[in-house]
C-alpha atoms as a PDB file:
ATOM      1  CA  MET A   1     117.947  42.369  77.169  1.00  0.00           C
ATOM      2  CA  THR A   2     118.049  45.825  76.065  1.00  0.00           C
ATOM      3  CA  ALA A   3     115.774  48.121  74.038  1.00  0.00           C
ATOM      4  CA  HIS A   4     116.801  50.697  71.277  1.00  0.00           C
ATOM      5  CA  CYS A   5     115.319  53.809  70.132  1.00  0.00           C
ATOM      6  CA  GLN A   6     114.105  53.782  66.581  1.00  0.00           C
ATOM      7  CA  ASN A   7     115.009  56.961  65.752  1.00  0.00           C
ATOM      8  CA  CYS A   8     118.682  57.265  67.005  1.00  0.00           C
ATOM      9  CA  GLY A   9     119.622  53.576  67.952  1.00  0.00           C
ATOM     10  CA  ALA A  10     120.553  54.369  71.566  1.00  0.00           C
ATOM     11  CA  HIS A  11     120.326  51.499  73.934  1.00  0.00           C
ATOM     12  CA  HIS A  12     118.133  51.609  76.868  1.00  0.00           C
ATOM     13  CA  THR A  13     116.906  49.212  79.525  1.00  0.00           C
ATOM     14  CA  GLU A  14     113.715  47.181  79.145  1.00  0.00           C
ATOM     15  CA  GLN A  15     112.290  49.226  81.977  1.00  0.00           C
ATOM     16  CA  TYR A  16     112.974  52.502  80.240  1.00  0.00           C
ATOM     17  CA  ALA A  17     111.056  51.307  77.156  1.00  0.00           C
ATOM     18  CA  ARG A  18     108.293  49.990  79.451  1.00  0.00           C
ATOM     19  CA  VAL A  19     107.728  53.514  80.854  1.00  0.00           C
ATOM     20  CA  PHE A  20     108.386  55.695  77.730  1.00  0.00           C
ATOM     21  CA  GLY A  21     107.662  53.130  74.835  1.00  0.00           C
ATOM     22  CA  ASN A  22     104.460  51.901  73.471  1.00  0.00           C
ATOM     23  CA  ASN A  23     102.688  48.886  74.860  1.00  0.00           C
ATOM     24  CA  ASP A  24     104.862  46.577  72.909  1.00  0.00           C
ATOM     25  CA  GLY A  25     107.972  48.244  74.497  1.00  0.00           C
ATOM     26  CA  VAL A  26     109.231  50.040  71.267  1.00  0.00           C
ATOM     27  CA  LEU A  27     110.797  53.424  71.477  1.00  0.00           C
ATOM     28  CA  TYR A  28     110.322  55.818  68.758  1.00  0.00           C
ATOM     29  CA  ASN A  29     112.217  58.499  70.482  1.00  0.00           C
ATOM     30  CA  CYS A  30     114.354  58.727  73.671  1.00  0.00           C
ATOM     31  CA  SER A  31     115.976  61.181  75.890  1.00  0.00           C
ATOM     32  CA  GLU A  32     119.156  61.085  73.594  1.00  0.00           C
ATOM     33  CA  CYS A  33     117.563  62.411  70.762  1.00  0.00           C
ATOM     34  CA  ARG A  34     114.458  64.299  72.257  1.00  0.00           C
ATOM     35  CA  ASP A  35     114.180  66.647  75.341  1.00  0.00           C
ATOM     36  CA  VAL A  36     112.917  65.091  78.676  1.00  0.00           C
ATOM     37  CA  THR A  37     109.801  67.247  78.470  1.00  0.00           C
ATOM     38  CA  ALA A  38     108.946  65.733  75.139  1.00  0.00           C
ATOM     39  CA  MET A  39     109.446  62.132  76.567  1.00  0.00           C
ATOM     40  CA  PHE A  40     107.035  62.853  79.496  1.00  0.00           C
ATOM     41  CA  ARG A  41     104.483  64.141  76.847  1.00  0.00           C
ATOM     42  CA  GLY A  42     104.806  60.704  74.872  1.00  0.00           C
ATOM     43  CA  ALA A  43     107.323  61.340  72.462  1.00  0.00           C
ATOM     44  CA  GLY A  44     108.734  57.869  72.953  1.00  0.00           C
ATOM     45  CA  VAL A  45     105.083  56.242  72.142  1.00  0.00           C
ATOM     46  CA  GLU A  46     104.218  57.695  68.760  1.00  0.00           C
ATOM     47  CA  GLY A  47     107.301  59.379  67.390  1.00  0.00           C
ATOM     48  CA  ILE A  48     105.830  62.867  68.133  1.00  0.00           C
END
């Protein structure tokens, strides 16, 4: 099963969503639509 970004719709693995998404595995942003630094700062969790 794959996860998808709520912002751009890009598909990612469940493992990616587990690391960069929120506790439910939801990605609000991803490395396709945000830079990697923002992702490490939590952009995937809250849609920062």
